[in-house]
Amino acid sequence: MKKELLLLFCIGLCALNTTNLLGQQRPQKEATLQAEDEEGPALYKFEPDYLAAEEARRKEILIIRSMIDSMDISDGKRQKLVRDLYRNKDSKRLTKILLANNKFEELED
């Protein structure tokens, strides 16, 4: 019984060692990686206008930020509005202030 278990253990150990040797002989995947690098990130396949959308969002944030900075409000409220602008541009507080600012500008014209 002991000899059979020892023989099975040795055979199993040899089988595990040969799988590592065979793993070294597999073809490299560098060709597929190089093709992926030439195409660009996978994100561009699904959303090709991602960079343009991000650029537009940054410009919009800068415009709204300049509007917030030009308002006559307290620093604490200004910081909250800027935080809302970067986190979620559709917050109630930000929408309320921007609508009030736009209505005020329309009345001046």
C-alpha atoms as a PDB file:
ATOM      1  CA  MET A   1       0.000   0.000   0.000  1.00  0.00           C
ATOM      2  CA  LYS A   2       2.812   2.395   0.907  1.00  0.00           C
ATOM      3  CA  LYS A   3       4.680   1.622  -2.303  1.00  0.00           C
ATOM      4  CA  GLU A   4       1.587   2.326  -4.414  1.00  0.00           C
ATOM      5  CA  LEU A   5       0.960   5.660  -2.681  1.00  0.00           C
ATOM      6  CA  LEU A   6       4.609   6.623  -3.077  1.00  0.00           C
ATOM      7  CA  LEU A   7       4.492   5.692  -6.770  1.00  0.00           C
ATOM      8  CA  LEU A   8       1.290   7.733  -7.324  1.00  0.00           C
ATOM      9  CA  PHE A   9       2.807  10.677  -5.480  1.00  0.00           C
ATOM     10  CA  CYS A  10       5.944  10.559  -7.641  1.00  0.00           C
ATOM     11  CA  ILE A  11       3.914  10.299 -10.855  1.00  0.00           C
ATOM     12  CA  GLY A  12       1.758  13.256  -9.794  1.00  0.00           C
ATOM     13  CA  LEU A  13       4.819  15.302  -8.904  1.00  0.00           C
ATOM     14  CA  CYS A  14       6.398  14.546 -12.279  1.00  0.00           C
ATOM     15  CA  ALA A  15       3.181  15.496 -14.071  1.00  0.00           C
ATOM     16  CA  LEU A  16       3.081  18.843 -12.279  1.00  0.00           C
ATOM     17  CA  ASN A  17       6.704  19.566 -13.152  1.00  0.00           C
ATOM     18  CA  THR A  18       6.228  18.753 -16.846  1.00  0.00           C
ATOM     19  CA  THR A  19       3.307  21.181 -17.149  1.00  0.00           C
ATOM     20  CA  ASN A  20       5.640  24.011 -16.153  1.00  0.00           C
ATOM     21  CA  LEU A  21       8.123  22.929 -18.817  1.00  0.00           C
ATOM     22  CA  LEU A  22       5.428  22.802 -21.480  1.00  0.00           C
ATOM     23  CA  GLY A  23       4.178  26.222 -20.445  1.00  0.00           C
ATOM     24  CA  GLN A  24       7.523  27.734 -21.418  1.00  0.00           C
ATOM     25  CA  GLN A  25       7.172  26.438 -24.970  1.00  0.00           C
ATOM     26  CA  ARG A  26       3.880  28.188 -25.759  1.00  0.00           C
ATOM     27  CA  PRO A  27       4.015  30.959 -28.387  1.00  0.00           C
ATOM     28  CA  GLN A  28       4.369  34.500 -27.118  1.00  0.00           C
ATOM     29  CA  LYS A  29       1.423  36.889 -27.296  1.00  0.00           C
ATOM     30  CA  GLU A  30       3.559  39.925 -28.119  1.00  0.00           C
ATOM     31  CA  ALA A  31       2.155  40.184 -31.641  1.00  0.00           C
ATOM     32  CA  THR A  32      -1.380  40.605 -30.338  1.00  0.00           C
ATOM     33  CA  LEU A  33      -0.218  43.091 -27.717  1.00  0.00           C
ATOM     34  CA  GLN A  34       1.582  45.168 -30.350  1.00  0.00           C
ATOM     35  CA  ALA A  35      -1.536  45.215 -32.527  1.00  0.00           C
ATOM     36  CA  GLU A  36      -3.552  46.373 -29.510  1.00  0.00           C
ATOM     37  CA  ASP A  37      -1.074  49.172 -28.842  1.00  0.00           C
ATOM     38  CA  GLU A  38      -1.290  50.381 -32.432  1.00  0.00           C
ATOM     39  CA  GLU A  39      -5.097  50.535 -32.321  1.00  0.00           C
ATOM     40  CA  GLY A  40      -5.172  52.396 -29.042  1.00  0.00           C
ATOM     41  CA  PRO A  41      -7.102  51.640 -25.878  1.00  0.00           C
ATOM     42  CA  ALA A  42     -10.244  49.530 -26.097  1.00  0.00           C
ATOM     43  CA  LEU A  43     -12.260  52.501 -24.800  1.00  0.00           C
ATOM     44  CA  TYR A  44     -11.881  54.259 -28.147  1.00  0.00           C
ATOM     45  CA  LYS A  45     -13.565  51.360 -29.924  1.00  0.00           C
ATOM     46  CA  PHE A  46     -16.742  51.816 -27.919  1.00  0.00           C
ATOM     47  CA  GLU A  47     -16.655  55.570 -27.389  1.00  0.00           C
ATOM     48  CA  PRO A  48     -14.518  57.242 -30.073  1.00  0.00           C
ATOM     49  CA  ASP A  49     -15.510  60.791 -29.045  1.00  0.00           C
ATOM     50  CA  TYR A  50     -14.456  60.334 -25.430  1.00  0.00           C
ATOM     51  CA  LEU A  51     -11.637  62.873 -25.535  1.00  0.00           C
ATOM     52  CA  ALA A  52     -13.812  65.468 -27.280  1.00  0.00           C
ATOM     53  CA  ALA A  53     -16.572  64.961 -24.709  1.00  0.00           C
ATOM     54  CA  GLU A  54     -14.105  65.337 -21.831  1.00  0.00           C
ATOM     55  CA  GLU A  55     -12.674  68.494 -23.393  1.00  0.00           C
ATOM     56  CA  ALA A  56     -16.175  69.964 -23.768  1.00  0.00           C
ATOM     57  CA  ARG A  57     -16.978  69.091 -20.148  1.00  0.00           C
ATOM     58  CA  ARG A  58     -13.780  70.792 -18.933  1.00  0.00           C
ATOM     59  CA  LYS A  59     -14.600  73.942 -20.914  1.00  0.00           C
ATOM     60  CA  GLU A  60     -18.127  73.945 -19.510  1.00  0.00           C
ATOM     61  CA  ILE A  61     -16.763  73.548 -15.981  1.00  0.00           C
ATOM     62  CA  LEU A  62     -14.389  76.480 -16.506  1.00  0.00           C
ATOM     63  CA  ILE A  63     -17.219  78.708 -17.764  1.00  0.00           C
ATOM     64  CA  ILE A  64     -19.516  77.811 -14.867  1.00  0.00           C
ATOM     65  CA  ARG A  65     -16.625  78.165 -12.411  1.00  0.00           C
ATOM     66  CA  SER A  66     -15.965  81.700 -13.670  1.00  0.00           C
ATOM     67  CA  MET A  67     -19.686  82.476 -13.261  1.00  0.00           C
ATOM     68  CA  ILE A  68     -19.614  81.190  -9.683  1.00  0.00           C
ATOM     69  CA  ASP A  69     -16.464  83.166  -8.900  1.00  0.00           C
ATOM     70  CA  SER A  70     -18.020  86.375 -10.223  1.00  0.00           C
ATOM     71  CA  MET A  71     -21.098  86.051  -7.973  1.00  0.00           C
ATOM     72  CA  ASP A  72     -21.412  88.024  -4.771  1.00  0.00           C
ATOM     73  CA  ILE A  73     -21.799  85.100  -2.348  1.00  0.00           C
ATOM     74  CA  SER A  74     -19.966  83.892   0.740  1.00  0.00           C
ATOM     75  CA  ASP A  75     -16.807  81.804   0.431  1.00  0.00           C
ATOM     76  CA  GLY A  76     -18.400  78.774   2.083  1.00  0.00           C
ATOM     77  CA  LYS A  77     -21.291  78.783  -0.354  1.00  0.00           C
ATOM     78  CA  ARG A  78     -18.883  79.309  -3.262  1.00  0.00           C
ATOM     79  CA  GLN A  79     -16.841  76.274  -2.181  1.00  0.00           C
ATOM     80  CA  LYS A  80     -19.986  74.153  -1.930  1.00  0.00           C
ATOM     81  CA  LEU A  81     -21.051  75.211  -5.416  1.00  0.00           C
ATOM     82  CA  VAL A  82     -17.634  74.427  -6.886  1.00  0.00           C
ATOM     83  CA  ARG A  83     -17.669  71.040  -5.159  1.00  0.00           C
ATOM     84  CA  ASP A  84     -21.133  70.371  -6.603  1.00  0.00           C
ATOM     85  CA  LEU A  85     -19.897  71.432 -10.027  1.00  0.00           C
ATOM     86  CA  TYR A  86     -17.060  68.902 -10.038  1.00  0.00           C
ATOM     87  CA  ARG A  87     -18.993  66.058  -8.402  1.00  0.00           C
ATOM     88  CA  ASN A  88     -22.459  66.376  -9.919  1.00  0.00           C
ATOM     89  CA  LYS A  89     -23.291  69.264 -12.197  1.00  0.00           C
ATOM     90  CA  ASP A  90     -27.037  68.566 -11.882  1.00  0.00           C
ATOM     91  CA  SER A  91     -27.330  69.254  -8.151  1.00  0.00           C
ATOM     92  CA  LYS A  92     -30.259  71.323  -6.878  1.00  0.00           C
ATOM     93  CA  ARG A  93     -28.064  73.931  -5.221  1.00  0.00           C
ATOM     94  CA  LEU A  94     -25.992  74.550  -8.344  1.00  0.00           C
ATOM     95  CA  THR A  95     -29.008  74.596 -10.669  1.00  0.00           C
ATOM     96  CA  LYS A  96     -30.828  77.056  -8.423  1.00  0.00           C
ATOM     97  CA  ILE A  97     -27.904  79.492  -8.294  1.00  0.00           C
ATOM     98  CA  LEU A  98     -27.173  79.266 -12.026  1.00  0.00           C
ATOM     99  CA  LEU A  99     -30.831  79.812 -12.956  1.00  0.00           C
ATOM    100  CA  ALA A 100     -30.993  82.829 -10.666  1.00  0.00           C
ATOM    101  CA  ASN A 101     -27.805  84.197 -12.229  1.00  0.00           C
ATOM    102  CA  ASN A 102     -29.126  83.673 -15.784  1.00  0.00           C
ATOM    103  CA  LYS A 103     -32.485  85.316 -15.003  1.00  0.00           C
ATOM    104  CA  PHE A 104     -30.660  88.275 -13.543  1.00  0.00           C
ATOM    105  CA  GLU A 105     -28.593  88.648 -16.730  1.00  0.00           C
ATOM    106  CA  GLU A 106     -31.716  88.438 -18.915  1.00  0.00           C
ATOM    107  CA  LEU A 107     -33.376  91.210 -16.926  1.00  0.00           C
ATOM    108  CA  GLU A 108     -30.403  93.506 -17.497  1.00  0.00           C
ATOM    109  CA  ASP A 109     -30.601  93.157 -21.288  1.00  0.00           C
END
